[in-house]
Amino acid sequence: MLYLFALVFGFASEGIGSAMAALVSDIFGLGKIGATFGVLELGFGIGAAIGPVLGGLIFDVTNSYFMAFLIGALVMVVSTLLIALVRRETS
């Protein structure tokens, strides 16, 4: 099971970087790729810092992770809708 997990995780996690670079350059252009990645990484970092603390706080208050997972799912739906609104830059 460990080897299967390592294989799937390796392909999934390493594939996202190259796919994200291609998508960002296609949508925002090569001239803005540094700034765009900077904003993305800032958002990822803030989420990685706040997420576990907020999840733990929710668990401490409610004695359940249900609300934490529900909030996470809602944030993902909102993110997906916002990403769907992004249009390619025309030059």
C-alpha atoms as a PDB file:
ATOM      1  CA  MET A   1       0.000   0.000   0.000  1.00  0.00           C
ATOM      2  CA  LEU A   2       2.890   2.371   0.777  1.00  0.00           C
ATOM      3  CA  TYR A   3       4.428   1.872  -2.671  1.00  0.00           C
ATOM      4  CA  LEU A   4       1.088   2.467  -4.374  1.00  0.00           C
ATOM      5  CA  PHE A   5       0.555   5.637  -2.348  1.00  0.00           C
ATOM      6  CA  ALA A   6       4.081   6.862  -3.109  1.00  0.00           C
ATOM      7  CA  LEU A   7       3.576   6.266  -6.822  1.00  0.00           C
ATOM      8  CA  VAL A   8       0.208   8.018  -7.016  1.00  0.00           C
ATOM      9  CA  PHE A   9       1.280  10.873  -4.739  1.00  0.00           C
ATOM     10  CA  GLY A  10       4.510  11.385  -6.685  1.00  0.00           C
ATOM     11  CA  PHE A  11       2.754  11.689 -10.017  1.00  0.00           C
ATOM     12  CA  ALA A  12      -0.036  13.862  -8.636  1.00  0.00           C
ATOM     13  CA  SER A  13       2.055  16.282  -6.618  1.00  0.00           C
ATOM     14  CA  GLU A  14       4.857  16.779  -9.123  1.00  0.00           C
ATOM     15  CA  GLY A  15       2.534  17.066 -12.086  1.00  0.00           C
ATOM     16  CA  ILE A  16       0.714  20.014 -10.599  1.00  0.00           C
ATOM     17  CA  GLY A  17       3.726  22.326 -10.759  1.00  0.00           C
ATOM     18  CA  SER A  18       4.285  21.995 -14.487  1.00  0.00           C
ATOM     19  CA  ALA A  19       0.546  22.101 -15.221  1.00  0.00           C
ATOM     20  CA  MET A  20       0.160  25.239 -13.109  1.00  0.00           C
ATOM     21  CA  ALA A  21       3.081  26.934 -14.851  1.00  0.00           C
ATOM     22  CA  ALA A  22       1.584  26.187 -18.262  1.00  0.00           C
ATOM     23  CA  LEU A  23      -1.873  27.407 -17.238  1.00  0.00           C
ATOM     24  CA  VAL A  24      -0.587  30.603 -15.624  1.00  0.00           C
ATOM     25  CA  SER A  25       1.539  31.480 -18.652  1.00  0.00           C
ATOM     26  CA  ASP A  26      -1.340  30.735 -21.045  1.00  0.00           C
ATOM     27  CA  ILE A  27      -3.869  32.780 -19.092  1.00  0.00           C
ATOM     28  CA  PHE A  28      -1.808  35.719 -17.849  1.00  0.00           C
ATOM     29  CA  GLY A  29       1.090  35.770 -20.311  1.00  0.00           C
ATOM     30  CA  LEU A  30       4.802  35.260 -19.771  1.00  0.00           C
ATOM     31  CA  GLY A  31       5.375  38.880 -18.775  1.00  0.00           C
ATOM     32  CA  LYS A  32       3.299  38.487 -15.613  1.00  0.00           C
ATOM     33  CA  ILE A  33       4.256  34.938 -14.630  1.00  0.00           C
ATOM     34  CA  GLY A  34       6.523  35.986 -11.733  1.00  0.00           C
ATOM     35  CA  ALA A  35       3.976  38.284 -10.137  1.00  0.00           C
ATOM     36  CA  THR A  36       1.183  35.768 -10.661  1.00  0.00           C
ATOM     37  CA  PHE A  37       3.148  32.954  -9.052  1.00  0.00           C
ATOM     38  CA  GLY A  38       4.073  35.286  -6.200  1.00  0.00           C
ATOM     39  CA  VAL A  39       0.407  35.990  -5.468  1.00  0.00           C
ATOM     40  CA  LEU A  40      -0.459  32.287  -5.783  1.00  0.00           C
ATOM     41  CA  GLU A  41       2.293  31.246  -3.389  1.00  0.00           C
ATOM     42  CA  LEU A  42       1.248  33.964  -0.945  1.00  0.00           C
ATOM     43  CA  GLY A  43      -2.290  32.577  -0.991  1.00  0.00           C
ATOM     44  CA  PHE A  44      -1.047  29.005  -0.569  1.00  0.00           C
ATOM     45  CA  GLY A  45       1.136  30.069   2.354  1.00  0.00           C
ATOM     46  CA  ILE A  46      -1.635  31.940   4.115  1.00  0.00           C
ATOM     47  CA  GLY A  47      -3.977  28.972   3.658  1.00  0.00           C
ATOM     48  CA  ALA A  48      -1.346  26.561   4.945  1.00  0.00           C
ATOM     49  CA  ALA A  49      -0.810  28.739   8.028  1.00  0.00           C
ATOM     50  CA  ILE A  50      -4.446  29.458   8.845  1.00  0.00           C
ATOM     51  CA  GLY A  51      -6.083  26.157   7.817  1.00  0.00           C
ATOM     52  CA  PRO A  52      -4.754  23.843  10.528  1.00  0.00           C
ATOM     53  CA  VAL A  53      -5.241  26.430  13.260  1.00  0.00           C
ATOM     54  CA  LEU A  54      -8.800  27.137  12.152  1.00  0.00           C
ATOM     55  CA  GLY A  55      -9.549  23.413  11.841  1.00  0.00           C
ATOM     56  CA  GLY A  56      -8.218  22.780  15.340  1.00  0.00           C
ATOM     57  CA  LEU A  57     -10.189  25.689  16.750  1.00  0.00           C
ATOM     58  CA  ILE A  58     -13.382  24.415  15.129  1.00  0.00           C
ATOM     59  CA  PHE A  59     -12.731  20.956  16.547  1.00  0.00           C
ATOM     60  CA  ASP A  60     -12.097  22.375  20.026  1.00  0.00           C
ATOM     61  CA  VAL A  61     -15.354  24.319  19.946  1.00  0.00           C
ATOM     62  CA  THR A  62     -17.634  21.727  18.312  1.00  0.00           C
ATOM     63  CA  ASN A  63     -15.803  18.477  19.178  1.00  0.00           C
ATOM     64  CA  SER A  64     -16.197  17.499  15.514  1.00  0.00           C
ATOM     65  CA  TYR A  65     -14.422  18.122  12.228  1.00  0.00           C
ATOM     66  CA  PHE A  66     -17.698  18.317  10.274  1.00  0.00           C
ATOM     67  CA  MET A  67     -17.840  22.132  10.145  1.00  0.00           C
ATOM     68  CA  ALA A  68     -14.147  22.368   9.255  1.00  0.00           C
ATOM     69  CA  PHE A  69     -14.628  20.024   6.294  1.00  0.00           C
ATOM     70  CA  LEU A  70     -17.828  21.800   5.292  1.00  0.00           C
ATOM     71  CA  ILE A  71     -16.086  25.187   5.302  1.00  0.00           C
ATOM     72  CA  GLY A  72     -13.207  23.696   3.319  1.00  0.00           C
ATOM     73  CA  ALA A  73     -15.611  22.280   0.739  1.00  0.00           C
ATOM     74  CA  LEU A  74     -17.434  25.607   0.434  1.00  0.00           C
ATOM     75  CA  VAL A  75     -14.153  27.471  -0.028  1.00  0.00           C
ATOM     76  CA  MET A  76     -13.194  25.026  -2.787  1.00  0.00           C
ATOM     77  CA  VAL A  77     -16.541  25.563  -4.552  1.00  0.00           C
ATOM     78  CA  VAL A  78     -16.124  29.347  -4.391  1.00  0.00           C
ATOM     79  CA  SER A  79     -12.531  29.018  -5.662  1.00  0.00           C
ATOM     80  CA  THR A  80     -13.674  26.836  -8.542  1.00  0.00           C
ATOM     81  CA  LEU A  81     -16.343  29.364  -9.511  1.00  0.00           C
ATOM     82  CA  LEU A  82     -13.836  32.223  -9.384  1.00  0.00           C
ATOM     83  CA  ILE A  83     -11.332  30.277 -11.489  1.00  0.00           C
ATOM     84  CA  ALA A  84     -14.067  29.597 -14.048  1.00  0.00           C
ATOM     85  CA  LEU A  85     -14.461  33.378 -14.463  1.00  0.00           C
ATOM     86  CA  VAL A  86     -10.792  33.901 -15.434  1.00  0.00           C
ATOM     87  CA  ARG A  87     -10.385  34.717 -19.105  1.00  0.00           C
ATOM     88  CA  ARG A  88      -7.264  34.462 -21.218  1.00  0.00           C
ATOM     89  CA  GLU A  89      -5.392  37.656 -21.943  1.00  0.00           C
ATOM     90  CA  THR A  90      -5.526  38.678 -25.582  1.00  0.00           C
ATOM     91  CA  SER A  91      -2.488  40.372 -27.021  1.00  0.00           C
END
